[in-house]
């Protein structure tokens, strides 16, 4: 299913994007940011955005990338 997107809620204030593609749609998104990953879990909520009504994924943790 291409073209499916989600609205990200929470996490770092300076995330470059709040509307992101989800491939495939699931229970968790992992967004690479700085020296780690921001993890978002799907919620039962939806948000009305400039790209239409999208599922809301809520931030729940950050993990560091081992170097």
C-alpha atoms as a PDB file:
ATOM      1  CA  UNK A   1       0.000   0.000   0.000  1.00  0.00           C
ATOM      2  CA  UNK A   2       1.843   3.120  -1.159  1.00  0.00           C
ATOM      3  CA  UNK A   3       1.092   6.689  -0.203  1.00  0.00           C
ATOM      4  CA  UNK A   4      -0.009   5.969   3.366  1.00  0.00           C
ATOM      5  CA  UNK A   5       1.137   8.645   5.802  1.00  0.00           C
ATOM      6  CA  UNK A   6       1.000   9.340   9.522  1.00  0.00           C
ATOM      7  CA  UNK A   7       1.042  12.394  11.777  1.00  0.00           C
ATOM      8  CA  UNK A   8       3.764  12.320  14.468  1.00  0.00           C
ATOM      9  CA  UNK A   9       2.910  13.656  17.916  1.00  0.00           C
ATOM     10  CA  UNK A  10       5.443  14.343  20.657  1.00  0.00           C
ATOM     11  CA  UNK A  11       9.173  13.732  20.581  1.00  0.00           C
ATOM     12  CA  UNK A  12      11.780  16.410  19.833  1.00  0.00           C
ATOM     13  CA  UNK A  13      10.379  19.844  18.981  1.00  0.00           C
ATOM     14  CA  UNK A  14      12.834  20.178  16.098  1.00  0.00           C
ATOM     15  CA  UNK A  15      11.919  17.034  14.144  1.00  0.00           C
ATOM     16  CA  UNK A  16      12.053  18.143  10.502  1.00  0.00           C
ATOM     17  CA  UNK A  17       8.796  16.419   9.482  1.00  0.00           C
ATOM     18  CA  UNK A  18       5.548  15.742  11.356  1.00  0.00           C
ATOM     19  CA  UNK A  19       3.823  14.036   8.407  1.00  0.00           C
ATOM     20  CA  UNK A  20       5.751  10.966   7.291  1.00  0.00           C
ATOM     21  CA  UNK A  21       5.176   7.931   5.050  1.00  0.00           C
ATOM     22  CA  UNK A  22       4.463   4.630   6.776  1.00  0.00           C
ATOM     23  CA  UNK A  23       5.571   1.534   4.873  1.00  0.00           C
ATOM     24  CA  UNK A  24       4.016  -0.808   5.719  1.00  0.00           C
ATOM     25  CA  UNK A  25       1.415   0.549   8.158  1.00  0.00           C
ATOM     26  CA  UNK A  26       1.937  -1.075  11.530  1.00  0.00           C
ATOM     27  CA  UNK A  27       2.308  -0.591  15.221  1.00  0.00           C
ATOM     28  CA  UNK A  28       5.598   1.330  15.377  1.00  0.00           C
ATOM     29  CA  UNK A  29       7.594   3.880  13.392  1.00  0.00           C
ATOM     30  CA  UNK A  30      11.314   4.405  13.818  1.00  0.00           C
ATOM     31  CA  UNK A  31      12.584   7.785  12.601  1.00  0.00           C
ATOM     32  CA  UNK A  32      16.339   8.356  12.272  1.00  0.00           C
ATOM     33  CA  UNK A  33      17.182  11.695  13.890  1.00  0.00           C
ATOM     34  CA  UNK A  34      20.565  13.041  14.934  1.00  0.00           C
ATOM     35  CA  UNK A  35      22.562  10.181  16.513  1.00  0.00           C
ATOM     36  CA  UNK A  36      19.606   7.935  17.223  1.00  0.00           C
ATOM     37  CA  UNK A  37      16.073   6.866  16.452  1.00  0.00           C
ATOM     38  CA  UNK A  38      12.803   8.356  17.660  1.00  0.00           C
ATOM     39  CA  UNK A  39      10.172   5.658  18.202  1.00  0.00           C
ATOM     40  CA  UNK A  40       6.468   6.315  17.672  1.00  0.00           C
ATOM     41  CA  UNK A  41       3.553   3.949  18.372  1.00  0.00           C
ATOM     42  CA  UNK A  42       0.240   4.008  16.539  1.00  0.00           C
ATOM     43  CA  UNK A  43      -2.760   5.318  18.474  1.00  0.00           C
ATOM     44  CA  UNK A  44      -6.483   4.997  17.826  1.00  0.00           C
ATOM     45  CA  UNK A  45      -6.643   8.743  17.124  1.00  0.00           C
ATOM     46  CA  UNK A  46      -6.587  10.653  13.825  1.00  0.00           C
ATOM     47  CA  UNK A  47      -5.546  14.232  13.031  1.00  0.00           C
ATOM     48  CA  UNK A  48      -6.910  16.571  10.383  1.00  0.00           C
ATOM     49  CA  UNK A  49      -3.828  17.839   8.521  1.00  0.00           C
ATOM     50  CA  UNK A  50      -3.027  19.700   5.312  1.00  0.00           C
ATOM     51  CA  UNK A  51      -2.684  16.231   3.727  1.00  0.00           C
ATOM     52  CA  UNK A  52      -6.059  15.015   4.996  1.00  0.00           C
ATOM     53  CA  UNK A  53      -7.111  12.893   7.961  1.00  0.00           C
ATOM     54  CA  UNK A  54      -4.116  10.826   9.112  1.00  0.00           C
ATOM     55  CA  UNK A  55      -3.492   8.273  11.872  1.00  0.00           C
ATOM     56  CA  UNK A  56      -1.632   9.706  14.865  1.00  0.00           C
ATOM     57  CA  UNK A  57       1.596   8.047  15.986  1.00  0.00           C
ATOM     58  CA  UNK A  58       2.734   9.097  19.471  1.00  0.00           C
ATOM     59  CA  UNK A  59       6.377   9.352  20.557  1.00  0.00           C
ATOM     60  CA  UNK A  60       7.371   6.855  23.248  1.00  0.00           C
ATOM     61  CA  UNK A  61      11.173   6.537  23.346  1.00  0.00           C
ATOM     62  CA  UNK A  62      14.549   7.350  21.814  1.00  0.00           C
ATOM     63  CA  UNK A  63      17.376   4.907  21.186  1.00  0.00           C
ATOM     64  CA  UNK A  64      20.973   5.837  20.400  1.00  0.00           C
ATOM     65  CA  UNK A  65      22.861   4.536  17.359  1.00  0.00           C
ATOM     66  CA  UNK A  66      25.984   2.609  18.402  1.00  0.00           C
ATOM     67  CA  UNK A  67      29.121   3.861  16.716  1.00  0.00           C
END
